[in-house]
């Protein structure tokens, strides 16, 4: 390039240009030629390298080289050639322009650094895609770590570019960053907290993409589909997208429903308030009516009692009624409900099945059904829950029981009439 520079300078001088103008014009023209030559070499090398590597990739059976090639990691590396050509040819002006070699070397260094950073970023993306093909990738995502490495790469690249622009040693700039530590902590607060949270989430297997979680503070109830260094995206059941900070999964109260999903059942836990004034001992007419309910004897076990053992007068109920011991309509209803839950095909037979009384309140006596539905999908779960309590509300009057509810305006109106 120095030969071309000298020729162009002499040509411009011979055409009457001033020495200073001829030098600048020759330098500018030589630099343009240098860019053209570097570009031509780059295109030739890239075409050859990409063609050769493409054939090699097609012949191999592994997926890592296909992924790297698809992300154009090797394509970026060919930018090293023109950067080296520009850097090595920076001294073409000799002693005419002493500042020009430094400028051209700086441009070449920045160009080369951009190529290195781009190659690293694409390499990280390819590495994440390769990692996602492994079975344990879903349980231990690395997207947060990849993003942290990208931030570090960009940070060091920015320091390098500044060092080149001010013509200083990058090490001296790093030494001066100590005074800016507080500012950096404030600027990178979310990435730092997110990185720590990502380590805790992965190490303790707390939350991963695909989990159903609820976060009451943020009104979140849905499926996690992306966890990054600073944010977590959740698709709620109404199809809206909620984005929350990653560290919120560690610092806030989070319910992860993955245990329920893996268990094979989904809990139904609801109660009905019984009007206490409707609870009484059973008489024979009531028992005769109850025996007409489908599978009543099977659910309650009343077949162990013989005809005539139940008296109309509760005080004369025989003491040998061992199973229910002077049964009340509430006791029979509880046993009937237990049998109904045991025999229902939609209720999981190997998981908890409890029908119990809760503490009585001014609103009556709650009787709670605590069972597990076999189906976990919301539509089937809600359908089964509705079916169970439809049956409960329909059969309660047959036992002479009443469901408690606060008086309404219609009740007051009818009582006045």
Protein backbone atom coordinates (compact mmCIF):
# COMPACT_ATOMS: atom_id res chain seq x y z
CA UNK A 1 0.00 0.00 0.00
CA UNK A 2 2.92 2.35 0.59
CA UNK A 3 3.91 2.03 -3.11
CA UNK A 4 0.40 3.03 -4.20
CA UNK A 5 0.42 5.90 -1.69
CA UNK A 6 3.71 7.25 -3.03
CA UNK A 7 2.50 6.94 -6.62
CA UNK A 8 -0.79 8.70 -5.87
CA UNK A 9 0.97 11.47 -3.93
CA UNK A 10 3.40 12.12 -6.80
CA UNK A 11 0.51 12.11 -9.24
CA UNK A 12 -1.40 14.71 -7.25
CA UNK A 13 1.71 16.87 -6.81
CA UNK A 14 2.40 16.75 -10.53
CA UNK A 15 -1.10 18.04 -11.15
CA UNK A 16 -0.49 21.20 -9.16
CA UNK A 17 -1.91 20.31 -5.74
CA UNK A 18 -0.28 21.67 -2.64
CA UNK A 19 1.90 19.25 -0.70
CA UNK A 20 -0.48 19.08 2.26
CA UNK A 21 -3.51 18.51 0.05
CA UNK A 22 -1.64 15.90 -2.00
CA UNK A 23 -0.67 13.98 1.13
CA UNK A 24 -4.21 14.00 2.51
CA UNK A 25 -5.68 13.07 -0.88
CA UNK A 26 -3.18 10.25 -1.37
CA UNK A 27 -3.84 8.97 2.15
CA UNK A 28 -7.60 9.04 1.64
CA UNK A 29 -7.35 7.30 -1.74
CA UNK A 30 -4.98 4.66 -0.37
CA UNK A 31 -7.27 4.02 2.56
CA UNK A 32 -10.23 3.53 0.21
CA UNK A 33 -8.17 1.08 -1.84
CA UNK A 34 -7.23 -0.72 1.36
CA UNK A 35 -10.92 -1.07 2.27
CA UNK A 36 -11.73 -2.38 -1.22
CA UNK A 37 -8.91 -4.92 -1.16
CA UNK A 38 -9.84 -6.09 2.35
CA UNK A 39 -13.49 -6.44 1.30
CA UNK A 40 -12.60 -8.47 -1.79
CA UNK A 41 -10.34 -10.77 0.23
CA UNK A 42 -13.07 -11.09 2.85
CA UNK A 43 -15.70 -12.11 0.27
CA UNK A 44 -13.38 -14.65 -1.34
CA UNK A 45 -12.29 -16.17 1.98
CA UNK A 46 -15.85 -16.23 3.30
CA UNK A 47 -17.16 -17.95 0.18
CA UNK A 48 -14.44 -20.58 0.33
CA UNK A 49 -14.65 -21.15 4.09
CA UNK A 50 -18.45 -21.30 4.19
CA UNK A 51 -18.55 -23.68 1.23
CA UNK A 52 -15.95 -26.02 2.73
CA UNK A 53 -17.44 -25.92 6.21
CA UNK A 54 -20.95 -26.46 4.82
CA UNK A 55 -19.83 -29.70 3.20
CA UNK A 56 -18.07 -30.86 6.35
CA UNK A 57 -21.11 -30.11 8.50
CA UNK A 58 -23.38 -32.10 6.20
CA UNK A 59 -21.14 -35.15 6.50
CA UNK A 60 -20.93 -35.20 10.29
CA UNK A 61 -23.55 -36.85 12.50
CA UNK A 62 -23.26 -34.51 15.50
CA UNK A 63 -25.63 -31.61 16.08
CA UNK A 64 -23.16 -29.15 17.63
CA UNK A 65 -21.45 -28.26 14.34
CA UNK A 66 -24.83 -27.94 12.57
CA UNK A 67 -26.00 -25.55 15.28
CA UNK A 68 -22.81 -23.47 15.18
CA UNK A 69 -23.06 -23.29 11.39
CA UNK A 70 -26.75 -22.33 11.56
CA UNK A 71 -25.93 -19.49 13.96
CA UNK A 72 -23.16 -18.32 11.56
CA UNK A 73 -20.40 -18.52 14.13
CA UNK A 74 -17.85 -19.51 11.49
CA UNK A 75 -19.12 -16.81 9.14
CA UNK A 76 -18.20 -14.10 11.65
CA UNK A 77 -14.69 -15.47 12.14
CA UNK A 78 -13.88 -14.63 8.51
CA UNK A 79 -14.01 -10.95 9.48
CA UNK A 80 -10.64 -11.49 11.17
CA UNK A 81 -8.93 -11.52 7.75
CA UNK A 82 -9.89 -7.98 6.60
CA UNK A 83 -9.26 -6.63 10.12
CA UNK A 84 -5.72 -8.07 10.06
CA UNK A 85 -5.12 -6.71 6.54
CA UNK A 86 -6.21 -3.20 7.57
CA UNK A 87 -4.14 -3.31 10.77
CA UNK A 88 -0.99 -4.57 9.07
CA UNK A 89 -1.24 -1.97 6.27
CA UNK A 90 -1.83 1.02 8.53
CA UNK A 91 1.68 2.52 8.08
CA UNK A 92 1.46 3.22 4.38
CA UNK A 93 1.79 7.00 4.83
CA UNK A 94 5.23 6.77 6.42
CA UNK A 95 6.34 9.98 8.11
CA UNK A 96 3.91 12.19 6.18
CA UNK A 97 1.01 11.65 8.59
CA UNK A 98 2.30 10.29 11.90
CA UNK A 99 -1.17 10.20 13.43
CA UNK A 100 -2.76 8.19 10.62
CA UNK A 101 -1.35 4.73 11.52
CA UNK A 102 -2.71 5.07 15.07
CA UNK A 103 -6.14 6.00 13.72
CA UNK A 104 -6.24 3.14 11.22
CA UNK A 105 -4.99 0.64 13.83
CA UNK A 106 -7.72 1.84 16.17
CA UNK A 107 -10.35 1.31 13.48
CA UNK A 108 -8.98 -2.15 12.78
CA UNK A 109 -8.93 -3.04 16.48
CA UNK A 110 -12.53 -1.89 16.97
CA UNK A 111 -13.58 -3.79 13.84
CA UNK A 112 -11.81 -6.91 15.09
CA UNK A 113 -13.34 -6.53 18.56
CA UNK A 114 -16.84 -6.27 17.04
CA UNK A 115 -16.18 -9.51 15.15
CA UNK A 116 -14.96 -11.23 18.33
CA UNK A 117 -17.96 -10.06 20.37
CA UNK A 118 -20.41 -11.09 17.66
CA UNK A 119 -18.78 -14.52 17.41
CA UNK A 120 -18.95 -15.00 21.18
CA UNK A 121 -22.60 -13.95 21.38
CA UNK A 122 -23.55 -16.28 18.54
CA UNK A 123 -21.51 -19.04 20.16
CA UNK A 124 -23.44 -18.55 23.43
CA UNK A 125 -26.76 -18.70 21.56
CA UNK A 126 -25.68 -21.87 19.77
CA UNK A 127 -24.51 -23.38 23.07
CA UNK A 128 -27.86 -22.68 24.67
CA UNK A 129 -29.69 -24.26 21.75
CA UNK A 130 -27.46 -27.35 21.97
CA UNK A 131 -28.00 -27.54 25.73
CA UNK A 132 -31.78 -27.35 25.28
CA UNK A 133 -31.67 -30.63 23.36
CA UNK A 134 -30.61 -32.52 26.51
CA UNK A 135 -33.32 -34.11 28.72
CA UNK A 136 -32.40 -32.19 31.88
CA UNK A 137 -32.41 -28.80 30.13
CA UNK A 138 -36.05 -28.18 31.04
CA UNK A 139 -35.38 -28.70 34.75
CA UNK A 140 -32.15 -26.67 34.77
CA UNK A 141 -32.39 -23.77 32.27
CA UNK A 142 -29.21 -21.79 31.58
CA UNK A 143 -30.70 -18.79 29.83
CA UNK A 144 -29.90 -16.54 32.80
CA UNK A 145 -26.25 -17.58 32.82
CA UNK A 146 -26.00 -17.05 29.06
CA UNK A 147 -27.42 -13.56 29.40
CA UNK A 148 -24.98 -12.78 32.21
CA UNK A 149 -22.04 -13.87 30.05
CA UNK A 150 -23.32 -11.68 27.23
CA UNK A 151 -23.51 -8.70 29.57
CA UNK A 152 -19.94 -9.32 30.71
CA UNK A 153 -18.75 -9.61 27.11
CA UNK A 154 -20.45 -6.34 26.16
CA UNK A 155 -19.08 -4.65 29.28
CA UNK A 156 -15.47 -5.65 28.58
CA UNK A 157 -15.92 -4.74 24.91
CA UNK A 158 -17.15 -1.26 25.86
CA UNK A 159 -14.09 -0.78 28.10
CA UNK A 160 -11.82 -1.91 25.26
CA UNK A 161 -13.42 0.48 22.74
CA UNK A 162 -13.08 3.40 25.14
CA UNK A 163 -9.42 2.48 25.74
CA UNK A 164 -8.79 2.44 21.98
CA UNK A 165 -10.54 5.78 21.46
CA UNK A 166 -8.59 7.54 24.22
CA UNK A 167 -5.39 5.63 23.41
CA UNK A 168 -5.05 4.22 26.92
CA UNK A 169 -4.26 0.81 28.35
CA UNK A 170 -7.53 -1.04 29.16
CA UNK A 171 -5.99 -2.19 32.46
CA UNK A 172 -5.74 1.42 33.64
CA UNK A 173 -9.43 1.94 32.89
CA UNK A 174 -10.36 -1.15 34.89
CA UNK A 175 -8.33 0.17 37.80
CA UNK A 176 -10.34 3.38 37.73
CA UNK A 177 -13.66 1.55 37.87
CA UNK A 178 -13.26 0.95 41.59
CA UNK A 179 -14.51 4.46 42.28
CA UNK A 180 -17.59 3.75 40.16
CA UNK A 181 -18.44 0.50 41.97
CA UNK A 182 -21.46 2.00 43.73
CA UNK A 183 -22.79 3.41 40.47
CA UNK A 184 -22.26 0.08 38.71
CA UNK A 185 -24.07 -1.74 41.53
CA UNK A 186 -27.02 0.59 41.09
CA UNK A 187 -27.04 0.27 37.29
CA UNK A 188 -26.68 -3.52 37.33
CA UNK A 189 -28.88 -4.12 40.39
CA UNK A 190 -31.52 -6.14 38.55
CA UNK A 191 -29.03 -8.34 36.64
CA UNK A 192 -27.09 -9.05 39.85
CA UNK A 193 -30.23 -9.93 41.82
CA UNK A 194 -31.53 -11.92 38.87
CA UNK A 195 -28.28 -13.86 38.58
CA UNK A 196 -28.34 -14.79 42.27
CA UNK A 197 -32.02 -15.74 41.99
CA UNK A 198 -31.30 -17.87 38.89
CA UNK A 199 -28.67 -19.82 40.83
CA UNK A 200 -31.10 -20.44 43.69
CA UNK A 201 -33.93 -21.44 41.33
CA UNK A 202 -31.70 -23.90 39.48
CA UNK A 203 -29.92 -25.29 42.54
CA UNK A 204 -33.12 -25.85 44.54
CA UNK A 205 -35.27 -26.82 41.53
CA UNK A 206 -37.87 -24.24 42.61
CA UNK A 207 -39.37 -23.01 39.33
CA UNK A 208 -38.71 -23.95 35.72
CA UNK A 209 -40.39 -23.27 32.36
CA UNK A 210 -43.63 -25.21 32.08
CA UNK A 211 -44.51 -25.01 35.79
CA UNK A 212 -47.88 -23.73 36.90
CA UNK A 213 -47.32 -21.07 39.57
CA UNK A 214 -49.32 -18.49 41.48
CA UNK A 215 -47.80 -15.29 42.89
CA UNK A 216 -50.51 -13.42 44.85
CA UNK A 217 -48.54 -10.16 45.09
CA UNK A 218 -48.45 -9.77 41.30
CA UNK A 219 -51.85 -11.41 40.69
CA UNK A 220 -50.11 -14.16 38.71
CA UNK A 221 -51.77 -17.52 38.05
CA UNK A 222 -50.49 -19.39 35.02
CA UNK A 223 -47.67 -21.24 33.30
CA UNK A 224 -44.05 -20.12 33.22
CA UNK A 225 -42.74 -20.11 29.68
CA UNK A 226 -39.56 -18.06 29.92
CA UNK A 227 -37.00 -17.36 32.66
CA UNK A 228 -34.28 -14.87 31.79
CA UNK A 229 -31.64 -13.07 33.82
CA UNK A 230 -33.90 -10.20 34.86
CA UNK A 231 -37.48 -11.22 34.04
CA UNK A 232 -39.86 -14.17 34.18
CA UNK A 233 -42.78 -14.38 31.75
CA UNK A 234 -45.96 -16.16 32.84
CA UNK A 235 -48.96 -16.83 30.64
CA UNK A 236 -52.06 -16.56 32.81
CA UNK A 237 -55.13 -18.71 32.27
CA UNK A 238 -56.89 -15.78 30.61
CA UNK A 239 -54.04 -15.81 28.03
CA UNK A 240 -52.55 -12.54 29.27
CA UNK A 241 -48.79 -12.30 29.76
CA UNK A 242 -47.36 -11.13 33.08
CA UNK A 243 -43.69 -10.21 33.43
CA UNK A 244 -42.16 -10.13 36.91
CA UNK A 245 -38.56 -9.76 38.15
CA UNK A 246 -36.65 -13.01 38.45
CA UNK A 247 -35.66 -12.32 42.04
CA UNK A 248 -39.39 -12.05 42.94
CA UNK A 249 -39.61 -15.85 42.64
CA UNK A 250 -37.20 -16.05 45.58
CA UNK A 251 -38.21 -13.05 47.65
CA UNK A 252 -42.02 -13.34 47.34
CA UNK A 253 -44.52 -16.04 48.24
CA UNK A 254 -44.81 -18.38 45.25
CA UNK A 255 -46.99 -21.48 44.96
CA UNK A 256 -45.71 -24.07 42.49
CA UNK A 257 -48.37 -26.58 41.44
CA UNK A 258 -45.89 -29.00 39.88
CA UNK A 259 -46.24 -31.33 42.89
CA UNK A 260 -49.96 -31.62 42.24
CA UNK A 261 -49.37 -32.27 38.55
CA UNK A 262 -46.78 -34.97 39.23
CA UNK A 263 -48.97 -36.63 41.90
CA UNK A 264 -51.64 -37.59 39.39
CA UNK A 265 -54.51 -35.89 41.24
CA UNK A 266 -55.93 -32.46 42.01
CA UNK A 267 -57.49 -31.68 45.35
CA UNK A 268 -61.12 -30.75 45.84
CA UNK A 269 -61.59 -29.10 49.24
CA UNK A 270 -64.92 -27.43 49.80
CA UNK A 271 -67.48 -27.36 52.56
CA UNK A 272 -71.22 -26.97 53.03
CA UNK A 273 -72.71 -25.27 56.09
CA UNK A 274 -75.45 -27.35 57.71
CA UNK A 275 -78.19 -25.61 59.66
CA UNK A 276 -77.66 -26.98 63.19
CA UNK A 277 -81.39 -26.76 64.00
CA UNK A 278 -82.08 -29.39 61.33
CA UNK A 279 -79.89 -32.05 63.00
CA UNK A 280 -81.87 -34.73 64.87
CA UNK A 281 -82.06 -38.44 65.62
CA UNK A 282 -83.46 -40.66 62.91
CA UNK A 283 -86.90 -42.19 63.20
CA UNK A 284 -88.28 -45.11 61.22
CA UNK A 285 -90.11 -43.04 58.55
CA UNK A 286 -86.90 -41.15 57.83
CA UNK A 287 -84.88 -44.36 57.59
CA UNK A 288 -87.46 -45.95 55.33
CA UNK A 289 -87.29 -42.92 53.07
CA UNK A 290 -83.49 -42.92 53.07
CA UNK A 291 -83.34 -46.59 52.12
CA UNK A 292 -85.02 -45.60 48.90
CA UNK A 293 -81.94 -43.61 47.88
CA UNK A 294 -79.75 -45.42 45.31
CA UNK A 295 -76.98 -47.44 47.03
CA UNK A 296 -77.87 -45.94 50.43
CA UNK A 297 -77.36 -49.21 52.32
CA UNK A 298 -74.09 -49.83 50.48
CA UNK A 299 -72.75 -46.37 51.32
CA UNK A 300 -73.84 -46.29 54.98
CA UNK A 301 -73.63 -49.98 55.95
CA UNK A 302 -77.19 -50.01 57.35
CA UNK A 303 -77.77 -53.56 56.14
CA UNK A 304 -76.25 -54.75 59.45
CA UNK A 305 -79.43 -53.63 61.24
CA UNK A 306 -82.59 -55.68 61.16
CA UNK A 307 -86.10 -54.44 60.59
CA UNK A 308 -87.72 -53.13 63.79
CA UNK A 309 -84.49 -52.12 65.52
CA UNK A 310 -85.28 -48.44 64.96
CA UNK A 311 -87.90 -46.90 67.22
CA UNK A 312 -89.92 -43.80 66.63
CA UNK A 313 -89.07 -42.55 70.13
CA UNK A 314 -85.33 -41.64 70.22
CA UNK A 315 -85.17 -42.53 73.92
CA UNK A 316 -86.06 -46.13 73.10
CA UNK A 317 -83.32 -46.66 70.48
CA UNK A 318 -81.63 -50.02 71.34
CA UNK A 319 -78.15 -49.81 72.81
CA UNK A 320 -76.88 -52.64 70.56
CA UNK A 321 -76.89 -50.41 67.45
CA UNK A 322 -73.10 -50.58 67.35
CA UNK A 323 -72.25 -49.10 63.95
CA UNK A 324 -74.05 -45.77 64.23
CA UNK A 325 -75.07 -45.75 67.92
CA UNK A 326 -78.39 -43.91 67.90
CA UNK A 327 -77.77 -42.48 64.41
CA UNK A 328 -78.53 -38.90 63.62
CA UNK A 329 -79.46 -37.73 60.19
CA UNK A 330 -76.13 -35.87 60.07
CA UNK A 331 -74.14 -39.03 60.89
CA UNK A 332 -75.96 -40.95 58.18
CA UNK A 333 -75.38 -38.12 55.71
CA UNK A 334 -71.65 -38.14 56.52
CA UNK A 335 -71.39 -41.91 55.98
CA UNK A 336 -73.43 -41.65 52.82
CA UNK A 337 -71.14 -38.92 51.54
CA UNK A 338 -68.03 -40.99 52.36
CA UNK A 339 -69.42 -43.94 50.43
CA UNK A 340 -70.40 -41.71 47.52
CA UNK A 341 -66.84 -40.34 47.29
CA UNK A 342 -65.32 -43.84 47.56
CA UNK A 343 -67.40 -45.17 44.71
CA UNK A 344 -67.18 -42.17 42.37
CA UNK A 345 -65.08 -43.09 39.28
CA UNK A 346 -63.70 -39.56 38.95
CA UNK A 347 -62.20 -39.47 42.46
CA UNK A 348 -58.69 -40.87 42.98
CA UNK A 349 -59.04 -44.02 45.07
CA UNK A 350 -55.39 -44.09 46.25
CA UNK A 351 -55.26 -40.52 47.55
CA UNK A 352 -56.83 -38.73 50.49
CA UNK A 353 -60.61 -39.14 50.86
CA UNK A 354 -61.87 -37.34 53.94
CA UNK A 355 -65.33 -36.09 54.88
CA UNK A 356 -65.16 -34.22 58.18
CA UNK A 357 -66.91 -31.74 60.42
CA UNK A 358 -65.26 -28.38 60.99
CA UNK A 359 -65.72 -26.06 63.93
CA UNK A 360 -69.30 -24.89 64.14
CA UNK A 361 -69.87 -21.16 63.74
CA UNK A 362 -72.74 -18.71 63.72
CA UNK A 363 -73.28 -19.84 60.14
CA UNK A 364 -73.88 -23.46 61.04
CA UNK A 365 -71.81 -26.64 61.06
CA UNK A 366 -69.45 -26.94 58.06
CA UNK A 367 -69.05 -30.41 56.62
CA UNK A 368 -65.96 -30.52 54.40
CA UNK A 369 -65.23 -32.78 51.45
CA UNK A 370 -61.48 -33.29 50.92
CA UNK A 371 -60.78 -35.60 47.98
CA UNK A 372 -58.57 -35.71 44.89
CA UNK A 373 -59.84 -35.59 41.33
CA UNK A 374 -58.15 -37.88 38.81
CA UNK A 375 -58.36 -35.29 36.05
CA UNK A 376 -56.11 -32.26 36.43
CA UNK A 377 -57.36 -30.22 33.50
CA UNK A 378 -59.45 -27.31 34.73
CA UNK A 379 -62.50 -28.13 32.63
CA UNK A 380 -62.75 -31.73 33.93
CA UNK A 381 -61.80 -30.70 37.45
CA UNK A 382 -64.52 -28.05 37.63
CA UNK A 383 -67.05 -30.42 36.06
CA UNK A 384 -66.38 -33.11 38.68
CA UNK A 385 -66.49 -30.59 41.52
CA UNK A 386 -69.82 -29.28 40.26
CA UNK A 387 -71.19 -32.81 39.92
CA UNK A 388 -70.24 -33.73 43.50
CA UNK A 389 -71.77 -30.65 45.07
CA UNK A 390 -74.83 -30.74 42.83
CA UNK A 391 -75.48 -34.18 44.26
CA UNK A 392 -74.77 -33.01 47.82
CA UNK A 393 -77.21 -30.09 47.62
CA UNK A 394 -79.84 -32.32 45.99
CA UNK A 395 -79.62 -35.13 48.56
CA UNK A 396 -79.33 -33.04 51.76
CA UNK A 397 -83.13 -32.48 52.08
CA UNK A 398 -83.67 -36.26 51.88
CA UNK A 399 -81.85 -36.58 55.21
CA UNK A 400 -84.01 -33.93 56.82
CA UNK A 401 -81.08 -31.49 56.84
CA UNK A 402 -81.00 -27.89 55.71
CA UNK A 403 -78.19 -25.85 54.22
CA UNK A 404 -77.54 -22.68 56.18
CA UNK A 405 -77.79 -19.39 54.37
CA UNK A 406 -78.21 -15.85 55.62
CA UNK A 407 -81.77 -14.52 55.48
CA UNK A 408 -82.57 -12.54 52.37
CA UNK A 409 -85.18 -9.90 51.69
CA UNK A 410 -87.56 -12.55 50.35
CA UNK A 411 -87.34 -14.51 53.64
CA UNK A 412 -88.25 -11.42 55.66
CA UNK A 413 -91.07 -10.58 53.28
CA UNK A 414 -92.56 -14.10 53.43
CA UNK A 415 -92.36 -14.16 57.23
CA UNK A 416 -94.28 -10.88 57.45
CA UNK A 417 -96.96 -12.24 55.17
